[in-house]
Amino acid sequence: MQVLDDITELNLAVELLRRKARVSIVHHETGVSRPKLRILYRELHGRGAPSGQLSAIGGATIQTRLQQVHAGLFAALYEHYAGPAISRQLDIRAVIAAHDFYVSLVLQEPLVDFNGAWVIARDLRVGMSELRSCDVCEVRYLISSESRLAPTCPFCVLHARRGGLGEPRLVLPAVLAQPLDDTDTAALSRG
């Protein structure tokens, strides 16, 4: 079984390196040696792996409300994939699934790279970050104990900055408020 375990770890390492995960993260998650990971990174990307410290505190890297929105979107997706174990252990497969889905949803360059996603997942596990629900707009958002931003809803702040009048309520159009049936689901997957 040792050979199969080694192959599984190496496959996971390649998955992570394809997403440009830092060597330190990949080593932590797989146990594959750092020199071997550096060689793999060079083979996959045609250049050496980036060096330097990984952010010790994820919340400190969230500098703007827009970054907070993106970090919150990833965190909500990660919470969905990781389930109730989110505060007990970091689930690297859930980080991969949530980050891949996050990247597919954003229409611009993602503001949360894979390394940032891993740091957010780690901070959720250790309690340095948490998802809260806004009493005003009813949307879940991410806060961090180490962020320079006030622990308020970024959606409401951005709504007010852009001249939004009144409270930003989450009101779905009548079409989306109805449950989807199989024909709606098939149409959405095609479009």
C-alpha atoms as a PDB file:
ATOM      1  CA  MET A   1       0.000   0.000   0.000  1.00  0.00           C
ATOM      2  CA  GLN A   2       2.977   2.335   0.487  1.00  0.00           C
ATOM      3  CA  VAL A   3       3.445   2.665  -3.290  1.00  0.00           C
ATOM      4  CA  LEU A   4      -0.242   3.506  -3.786  1.00  0.00           C
ATOM      5  CA  ASP A   5      -0.074   6.087  -0.997  1.00  0.00           C
ATOM      6  CA  ASP A   6       3.002   7.641  -2.616  1.00  0.00           C
ATOM      7  CA  ILE A   7       1.211   7.832  -5.978  1.00  0.00           C
ATOM      8  CA  THR A   8      -1.870   9.401  -4.355  1.00  0.00           C
ATOM      9  CA  GLU A   9       0.285  12.012  -2.608  1.00  0.00           C
ATOM     10  CA  LEU A  10       2.190  12.768  -5.808  1.00  0.00           C
ATOM     11  CA  ASN A  11      -1.050  13.150  -7.797  1.00  0.00           C
ATOM     12  CA  LEU A  12      -2.389  15.573  -5.187  1.00  0.00           C
ATOM     13  CA  ALA A  13       0.910  17.466  -5.285  1.00  0.00           C
ATOM     14  CA  VAL A  14       0.621  17.841  -9.072  1.00  0.00           C
ATOM     15  CA  GLU A  15      -3.002  19.031  -8.722  1.00  0.00           C
ATOM     16  CA  LEU A  16      -1.916  21.678  -6.235  1.00  0.00           C
ATOM     17  CA  LEU A  17       1.135  22.766  -8.219  1.00  0.00           C
ATOM     18  CA  ARG A  18      -0.978  23.162 -11.381  1.00  0.00           C
ATOM     19  CA  ARG A  19      -2.951  25.736  -9.363  1.00  0.00           C
ATOM     20  CA  LYS A  20       0.358  27.456  -8.519  1.00  0.00           C
ATOM     21  CA  ALA A  21       0.187  26.513  -4.851  1.00  0.00           C
ATOM     22  CA  ARG A  22       3.283  27.418  -2.883  1.00  0.00           C
ATOM     23  CA  VAL A  23       5.765  24.601  -2.330  1.00  0.00           C
ATOM     24  CA  SER A  24       5.350  25.031   1.444  1.00  0.00           C
ATOM     25  CA  ILE A  25       1.583  24.402   1.164  1.00  0.00           C
ATOM     26  CA  VAL A  26       2.020  21.385  -1.101  1.00  0.00           C
ATOM     27  CA  HIS A  27       4.671  19.908   1.186  1.00  0.00           C
ATOM     28  CA  HIS A  28       2.420  20.467   4.216  1.00  0.00           C
ATOM     29  CA  GLU A  29      -0.575  18.807   2.532  1.00  0.00           C
ATOM     30  CA  THR A  30       1.211  15.890   0.853  1.00  0.00           C
ATOM     31  CA  GLY A  31       4.511  15.244   2.597  1.00  0.00           C
ATOM     32  CA  VAL A  32       6.309  15.174  -0.778  1.00  0.00           C
ATOM     33  CA  SER A  33       9.843  16.527  -0.390  1.00  0.00           C
ATOM     34  CA  ARG A  34      10.436  20.205  -1.175  1.00  0.00           C
ATOM     35  CA  PRO A  35      13.222  19.526  -3.732  1.00  0.00           C
ATOM     36  CA  LYS A  36      10.949  17.150  -5.654  1.00  0.00           C
ATOM     37  CA  LEU A  37       8.130  19.746  -5.531  1.00  0.00           C
ATOM     38  CA  ARG A  38      10.424  22.469  -6.879  1.00  0.00           C
ATOM     39  CA  ILE A  39      11.379  20.204  -9.801  1.00  0.00           C
ATOM     40  CA  LEU A  40       7.708  19.416 -10.472  1.00  0.00           C
ATOM     41  CA  TYR A  41       6.797  23.120 -10.339  1.00  0.00           C
ATOM     42  CA  ARG A  42       9.506  23.954 -12.904  1.00  0.00           C
ATOM     43  CA  GLU A  43       8.306  21.144 -15.201  1.00  0.00           C
ATOM     44  CA  LEU A  44       4.682  22.307 -14.957  1.00  0.00           C
ATOM     45  CA  HIS A  45       5.228  26.062 -15.287  1.00  0.00           C
ATOM     46  CA  GLY A  46       8.563  26.435 -17.077  1.00  0.00           C
ATOM     47  CA  ARG A  47      10.034  28.526 -14.269  1.00  0.00           C
ATOM     48  CA  GLY A  48      11.064  28.145 -10.660  1.00  0.00           C
ATOM     49  CA  ALA A  49       8.572  28.146  -7.824  1.00  0.00           C
ATOM     50  CA  PRO A  50       8.086  31.511  -6.101  1.00  0.00           C
ATOM     51  CA  SER A  51       9.959  31.894  -2.860  1.00  0.00           C
ATOM     52  CA  GLY A  52       9.284  33.917   0.252  1.00  0.00           C
ATOM     53  CA  GLN A  53       7.001  33.732   3.211  1.00  0.00           C
ATOM     54  CA  LEU A  54       3.389  32.740   2.901  1.00  0.00           C
ATOM     55  CA  SER A  55       1.093  35.199   4.606  1.00  0.00           C
ATOM     56  CA  ALA A  56       0.954  34.316   8.267  1.00  0.00           C
ATOM     57  CA  ILE A  57      -2.453  35.934   8.642  1.00  0.00           C
ATOM     58  CA  GLY A  58      -4.993  35.844   5.821  1.00  0.00           C
ATOM     59  CA  GLY A  59      -7.103  38.703   7.126  1.00  0.00           C
ATOM     60  CA  ALA A  60      -4.151  41.062   7.006  1.00  0.00           C
ATOM     61  CA  THR A  61      -3.938  40.562   3.237  1.00  0.00           C
ATOM     62  CA  ILE A  62      -7.549  41.684   2.703  1.00  0.00           C
ATOM     63  CA  GLN A  63      -7.086  45.412   2.158  1.00  0.00           C
ATOM     64  CA  THR A  64     -10.265  46.475   0.324  1.00  0.00           C
ATOM     65  CA  ARG A  65     -13.979  45.780   0.489  1.00  0.00           C
ATOM     66  CA  LEU A  66     -13.857  44.217  -2.976  1.00  0.00           C
ATOM     67  CA  GLN A  67     -11.149  41.804  -1.782  1.00  0.00           C
ATOM     68  CA  GLN A  68     -13.367  41.070   1.231  1.00  0.00           C
ATOM     69  CA  VAL A  69     -16.278  40.256  -1.083  1.00  0.00           C
ATOM     70  CA  HIS A  70     -14.127  37.851  -3.113  1.00  0.00           C
ATOM     71  CA  ALA A  71     -12.624  36.266   0.005  1.00  0.00           C
ATOM     72  CA  GLY A  72     -16.135  35.838   1.419  1.00  0.00           C
ATOM     73  CA  LEU A  73     -17.353  34.194  -1.772  1.00  0.00           C
ATOM     74  CA  PHE A  74     -14.506  31.686  -1.616  1.00  0.00           C
ATOM     75  CA  ALA A  75     -15.083  31.135   2.135  1.00  0.00           C
ATOM     76  CA  ALA A  76     -18.801  30.459   1.619  1.00  0.00           C
ATOM     77  CA  LEU A  77     -18.013  27.966  -1.144  1.00  0.00           C
ATOM     78  CA  TYR A  78     -15.362  26.309   1.016  1.00  0.00           C
ATOM     79  CA  GLU A  79     -17.806  26.075   3.914  1.00  0.00           C
ATOM     80  CA  HIS A  80     -20.270  24.342   1.583  1.00  0.00           C
ATOM     81  CA  TYR A  81     -17.706  21.793   0.344  1.00  0.00           C
ATOM     82  CA  ALA A  82     -15.966  21.196   3.698  1.00  0.00           C
ATOM     83  CA  GLY A  83     -19.165  20.877   5.724  1.00  0.00           C
ATOM     84  CA  PRO A  84     -19.265  20.818   9.514  1.00  0.00           C
ATOM     85  CA  ALA A  85     -15.584  19.849   9.790  1.00  0.00           C
ATOM     86  CA  ILE A  86     -14.542  23.353   8.686  1.00  0.00           C
ATOM     87  CA  SER A  87     -13.441  24.309  12.214  1.00  0.00           C
ATOM     88  CA  ARG A  88     -11.711  21.008  12.972  1.00  0.00           C
ATOM     89  CA  GLN A  89      -9.494  20.370   9.972  1.00  0.00           C
ATOM     90  CA  LEU A  90      -8.445  21.916   6.691  1.00  0.00           C
ATOM     91  CA  ASP A  91      -9.876  19.823   3.849  1.00  0.00           C
ATOM     92  CA  ILE A  92      -7.540  20.313   0.877  1.00  0.00           C
ATOM     93  CA  ARG A  93      -9.977  18.643  -1.544  1.00  0.00           C
ATOM     94  CA  ALA A  94     -12.665  21.105  -0.425  1.00  0.00           C
ATOM     95  CA  VAL A  95     -10.219  23.994  -0.941  1.00  0.00           C
ATOM     96  CA  ILE A  96      -9.553  22.754  -4.491  1.00  0.00           C
ATOM     97  CA  ALA A  97     -13.269  22.355  -5.294  1.00  0.00           C
ATOM     98  CA  ALA A  98     -14.235  25.706  -3.770  1.00  0.00           C
ATOM     99  CA  HIS A  99     -11.407  27.615  -5.455  1.00  0.00           C
ATOM    100  CA  ASP A 100     -12.101  26.031  -8.849  1.00  0.00           C
ATOM    101  CA  PHE A 101     -15.774  26.996  -8.529  1.00  0.00           C
ATOM    102  CA  TYR A 102     -14.869  30.513  -7.325  1.00  0.00           C
ATOM    103  CA  VAL A 103     -12.580  31.015 -10.358  1.00  0.00           C
ATOM    104  CA  SER A 104     -15.375  29.858 -12.679  1.00  0.00           C
ATOM    105  CA  LEU A 105     -17.800  32.391 -11.158  1.00  0.00           C
ATOM    106  CA  VAL A 106     -15.760  35.594 -11.304  1.00  0.00           C
ATOM    107  CA  LEU A 107     -15.845  37.457 -14.585  1.00  0.00           C
ATOM    108  CA  GLN A 108     -12.516  39.180 -14.061  1.00  0.00           C
ATOM    109  CA  GLU A 109      -9.107  38.181 -12.776  1.00  0.00           C
ATOM    110  CA  PRO A 110      -9.752  36.371  -9.472  1.00  0.00           C
ATOM    111  CA  LEU A 111      -8.717  38.405  -6.432  1.00  0.00           C
ATOM    112  CA  VAL A 112      -8.158  35.240  -4.375  1.00  0.00           C
ATOM    113  CA  ASP A 113      -5.431  32.985  -5.754  1.00  0.00           C
ATOM    114  CA  PHE A 114      -5.079  29.394  -4.605  1.00  0.00           C
ATOM    115  CA  ASN A 115      -2.551  30.293  -1.913  1.00  0.00           C
ATOM    116  CA  GLY A 116      -4.884  32.956  -0.523  1.00  0.00           C
ATOM    117  CA  ALA A 117      -7.718  30.432  -0.586  1.00  0.00           C
ATOM    118  CA  TRP A 118      -5.650  27.984   1.470  1.00  0.00           C
ATOM    119  CA  VAL A 119      -4.822  30.724   3.991  1.00  0.00           C
ATOM    120  CA  ILE A 120      -8.522  31.647   4.293  1.00  0.00           C
ATOM    121  CA  ALA A 121      -9.430  27.981   4.876  1.00  0.00           C
ATOM    122  CA  ARG A 122      -6.684  27.710   7.485  1.00  0.00           C
ATOM    123  CA  ASP A 123      -7.880  30.898   9.225  1.00  0.00           C
ATOM    124  CA  LEU A 124     -11.458  29.594   9.294  1.00  0.00           C
ATOM    125  CA  ARG A 125     -10.204  26.396  10.932  1.00  0.00           C
ATOM    126  CA  VAL A 126      -8.246  28.151  13.676  1.00  0.00           C
ATOM    127  CA  GLY A 127     -10.934  30.781  14.297  1.00  0.00           C
ATOM    128  CA  MET A 128      -9.036  33.839  13.043  1.00  0.00           C
ATOM    129  CA  SER A 129     -11.705  34.384  10.387  1.00  0.00           C
ATOM    130  CA  GLU A 130     -15.410  33.642  10.328  1.00  0.00           C
ATOM    131  CA  LEU A 131     -18.431  33.934   8.107  1.00  0.00           C
ATOM    132  CA  ARG A 132     -21.229  36.142   9.409  1.00  0.00           C
ATOM    133  CA  SER A 133     -24.689  36.942   8.092  1.00  0.00           C
ATOM    134  CA  CYS A 134     -25.603  40.571   7.560  1.00  0.00           C
ATOM    135  CA  ASP A 135     -28.770  41.651   9.354  1.00  0.00           C
ATOM    136  CA  VAL A 136     -29.447  44.266   6.673  1.00  0.00           C
ATOM    137  CA  CYS A 137     -28.828  42.592   3.293  1.00  0.00           C
ATOM    138  CA  GLU A 138     -28.938  38.987   4.557  1.00  0.00           C
ATOM    139  CA  VAL A 139     -25.720  37.997   2.736  1.00  0.00           C
ATOM    140  CA  ARG A 140     -22.902  36.026   4.383  1.00  0.00           C
ATOM    141  CA  TYR A 141     -19.540  37.766   4.455  1.00  0.00           C
ATOM    142  CA  LEU A 142     -16.057  37.055   5.798  1.00  0.00           C
ATOM    143  CA  ILE A 143     -14.457  38.890   8.702  1.00  0.00           C
ATOM    144  CA  SER A 144     -11.015  38.411  10.171  1.00  0.00           C
ATOM    145  CA  SER A 145      -9.707  39.324  13.577  1.00  0.00           C
ATOM    146  CA  GLU A 146      -6.536  40.666  11.927  1.00  0.00           C
ATOM    147  CA  SER A 147      -8.120  42.743   9.159  1.00  0.00           C
ATOM    148  CA  ARG A 148      -7.693  46.503   9.015  1.00  0.00           C
ATOM    149  CA  LEU A 149     -11.256  46.759   7.767  1.00  0.00           C
ATOM    150  CA  ALA A 150     -14.095  47.263  10.213  1.00  0.00           C
ATOM    151  CA  PRO A 151     -15.994  43.987  10.779  1.00  0.00           C
ATOM    152  CA  THR A 152     -19.019  45.102   8.777  1.00  0.00           C
ATOM    153  CA  CYS A 153     -20.745  43.790   5.688  1.00  0.00           C
ATOM    154  CA  PRO A 154     -18.738  44.726   2.574  1.00  0.00           C
ATOM    155  CA  PHE A 155     -21.846  44.511   0.395  1.00  0.00           C
ATOM    156  CA  CYS A 156     -23.653  47.171   2.419  1.00  0.00           C
ATOM    157  CA  VAL A 157     -20.547  49.379   2.488  1.00  0.00           C
ATOM    158  CA  LEU A 158     -20.080  49.111  -1.284  1.00  0.00           C
ATOM    159  CA  HIS A 159     -23.803  49.685  -1.831  1.00  0.00           C
ATOM    160  CA  ALA A 160     -23.672  52.898   0.215  1.00  0.00           C
ATOM    161  CA  ARG A 161     -20.461  54.100  -1.492  1.00  0.00           C
ATOM    162  CA  ARG A 162     -22.021  53.708  -4.901  1.00  0.00           C
ATOM    163  CA  GLY A 163     -24.925  55.923  -3.930  1.00  0.00           C
ATOM    164  CA  GLY A 164     -27.358  53.166  -3.073  1.00  0.00           C
ATOM    165  CA  LEU A 165     -30.485  54.459  -1.429  1.00  0.00           C
ATOM    166  CA  GLY A 166     -32.174  52.571   1.365  1.00  0.00           C
ATOM    167  CA  GLU A 167     -31.202  49.230   2.742  1.00  0.00           C
ATOM    168  CA  PRO A 168     -29.766  46.752   0.244  1.00  0.00           C
ATOM    169  CA  ARG A 169     -32.148  43.808   0.515  1.00  0.00           C
ATOM    170  CA  LEU A 170     -31.602  40.534  -1.232  1.00  0.00           C
ATOM    171  CA  VAL A 171     -34.717  40.339  -3.395  1.00  0.00           C
ATOM    172  CA  LEU A 172     -34.678  37.708  -6.096  1.00  0.00           C
ATOM    173  CA  PRO A 173     -36.506  38.357  -9.362  1.00  0.00           C
ATOM    174  CA  ALA A 174     -39.785  36.436  -9.526  1.00  0.00           C
ATOM    175  CA  VAL A 175     -38.263  33.964 -12.011  1.00  0.00           C
ATOM    176  CA  LEU A 176     -35.451  33.043  -9.592  1.00  0.00           C
ATOM    177  CA  ALA A 177     -37.664  33.025  -6.508  1.00  0.00           C
ATOM    178  CA  GLN A 178     -39.493  29.954  -7.805  1.00  0.00           C
ATOM    179  CA  PRO A 179     -37.930  26.504  -7.341  1.00  0.00           C
ATOM    180  CA  LEU A 180     -36.176  25.191 -10.437  1.00  0.00           C
ATOM    181  CA  ASP A 181     -37.580  22.172 -12.199  1.00  0.00           C
ATOM    182  CA  ASP A 182     -35.605  19.831 -14.455  1.00  0.00           C
ATOM    183  CA  THR A 183     -36.189  21.873 -17.636  1.00  0.00           C
ATOM    184  CA  ASP A 184     -34.940  25.053 -15.892  1.00  0.00           C
ATOM    185  CA  THR A 185     -31.845  23.218 -14.656  1.00  0.00           C
ATOM    186  CA  ALA A 186     -31.114  21.826 -18.128  1.00  0.00           C
ATOM    187  CA  ALA A 187     -31.503  25.305 -19.674  1.00  0.00           C
ATOM    188  CA  LEU A 188     -29.132  26.827 -17.102  1.00  0.00           C
ATOM    189  CA  SER A 189     -26.469  24.186 -17.690  1.00  0.00           C
ATOM    190  CA  ARG A 190     -26.581  24.848 -21.468  1.00  0.00           C
ATOM    191  CA  GLY A 191     -26.499  28.642 -21.139  1.00  0.00           C
END
